[in-house]
Amino acid sequence: MIEHFFSCPHCWQQISMLLDPAYSQTYVEDCEVCCNPIELSVAFEDGELVSFEAREIGQ
């Protein structure tokens, strides 16, 4: 697992997530600070994070 830090697109607080380098995926998870949903797109190549995007949804 890889810990990745980013800013929530809703409340702009710094949060972290554990990412599994075995999977590239897009999914929705709630912010641990403001509880708003965030769409996360994560891509790995050879076990390294090559792309991470956190977008607000529900607006």
C-alpha atoms as a PDB file:
ATOM      1  CA  MET A   1       0.000   0.000   0.000  1.00  0.00           C
ATOM      2  CA  ILE A   2       1.132   3.539  -0.784  1.00  0.00           C
ATOM      3  CA  GLU A   3       0.071   6.537   1.302  1.00  0.00           C
ATOM      4  CA  HIS A   4      -0.872   9.500  -0.904  1.00  0.00           C
ATOM      5  CA  PHE A   5      -1.656  13.029   0.355  1.00  0.00           C
ATOM      6  CA  PHE A   6      -3.965  15.441  -1.500  1.00  0.00           C
ATOM      7  CA  SER A   7      -6.394  18.310  -0.905  1.00  0.00           C
ATOM      8  CA  CYS A   8     -10.120  17.657  -0.778  1.00  0.00           C
ATOM      9  CA  PRO A   9     -11.813  19.468  -3.697  1.00  0.00           C
ATOM     10  CA  HIS A  10     -14.682  20.463  -1.377  1.00  0.00           C
ATOM     11  CA  CYS A  11     -13.072  21.709   1.854  1.00  0.00           C
ATOM     12  CA  TRP A  12      -9.410  21.980   0.672  1.00  0.00           C
ATOM     13  CA  GLN A  13      -8.141  20.165   3.771  1.00  0.00           C
ATOM     14  CA  GLN A  14      -5.073  17.958   3.371  1.00  0.00           C
ATOM     15  CA  ILE A  15      -6.061  14.299   3.660  1.00  0.00           C
ATOM     16  CA  SER A  16      -4.327  11.013   2.964  1.00  0.00           C
ATOM     17  CA  MET A  17      -5.374   7.712   1.453  1.00  0.00           C
ATOM     18  CA  LEU A  18      -3.809   4.304   1.205  1.00  0.00           C
ATOM     19  CA  LEU A  19      -3.663   3.203  -2.419  1.00  0.00           C
ATOM     20  CA  ASP A  20      -3.096  -0.330  -3.643  1.00  0.00           C
ATOM     21  CA  PRO A  21      -0.493  -0.246  -6.451  1.00  0.00           C
ATOM     22  CA  ALA A  22      -1.930  -3.460  -7.880  1.00  0.00           C
ATOM     23  CA  TYR A  23      -5.019  -1.602  -9.165  1.00  0.00           C
ATOM     24  CA  SER A  24      -5.698   1.366 -11.418  1.00  0.00           C
ATOM     25  CA  GLN A  25      -9.270   2.446 -10.832  1.00  0.00           C
ATOM     26  CA  THR A  26     -11.907   5.149 -10.506  1.00  0.00           C
ATOM     27  CA  TYR A  27     -14.161   5.145  -7.459  1.00  0.00           C
ATOM     28  CA  VAL A  28     -16.018   7.411  -5.015  1.00  0.00           C
ATOM     29  CA  GLU A  29     -15.010   7.886  -1.401  1.00  0.00           C
ATOM     30  CA  ASP A  30     -16.162  10.424   1.185  1.00  0.00           C
ATOM     31  CA  CYS A  31     -13.740  13.030   2.528  1.00  0.00           C
ATOM     32  CA  GLU A  32     -12.676  12.128   6.065  1.00  0.00           C
ATOM     33  CA  VAL A  33     -12.953  15.809   7.086  1.00  0.00           C
ATOM     34  CA  CYS A  34     -16.127  17.219   5.445  1.00  0.00           C
ATOM     35  CA  CYS A  35     -17.817  13.912   4.424  1.00  0.00           C
ATOM     36  CA  ASN A  36     -18.546  15.121   0.869  1.00  0.00           C
ATOM     37  CA  PRO A  37     -18.086  12.574  -1.949  1.00  0.00           C
ATOM     38  CA  ILE A  38     -14.874  12.683  -3.987  1.00  0.00           C
ATOM     39  CA  GLU A  39     -14.386  10.871  -7.287  1.00  0.00           C
ATOM     40  CA  LEU A  40     -10.865   9.454  -7.309  1.00  0.00           C
ATOM     41  CA  SER A  41      -9.055   8.319 -10.443  1.00  0.00           C
ATOM     42  CA  VAL A  42      -5.840   6.438  -9.736  1.00  0.00           C
ATOM     43  CA  ALA A  43      -3.406   4.915 -12.244  1.00  0.00           C
ATOM     44  CA  PHE A  44      -0.318   2.812 -11.597  1.00  0.00           C
ATOM     45  CA  GLU A  45       2.369   1.481 -13.937  1.00  0.00           C
ATOM     46  CA  ASP A  46       4.863  -1.087 -12.695  1.00  0.00           C
ATOM     47  CA  GLY A  47       3.760  -0.410  -9.112  1.00  0.00           C
ATOM     48  CA  GLU A  48       4.356   3.355  -9.337  1.00  0.00           C
ATOM     49  CA  LEU A  49       1.661   6.021  -9.149  1.00  0.00           C
ATOM     50  CA  VAL A  50       1.539   7.780 -12.527  1.00  0.00           C
ATOM     51  CA  SER A  51      -1.784   9.610 -12.237  1.00  0.00           C
ATOM     52  CA  PHE A  52      -4.037  10.757  -9.375  1.00  0.00           C
ATOM     53  CA  GLU A  53      -7.076  12.997  -9.681  1.00  0.00           C
ATOM     54  CA  ALA A  54      -9.614  13.957  -7.022  1.00  0.00           C
ATOM     55  CA  ARG A  55     -12.788  15.640  -8.309  1.00  0.00           C
ATOM     56  CA  GLU A  56     -15.819  16.917  -6.449  1.00  0.00           C
ATOM     57  CA  ILE A  57     -19.110  15.345  -7.416  1.00  0.00           C
ATOM     58  CA  GLY A  58     -22.697  15.988  -6.491  1.00  0.00           C
ATOM     59  CA  GLN A  59     -22.682  19.679  -7.389  1.00  0.00           C
END
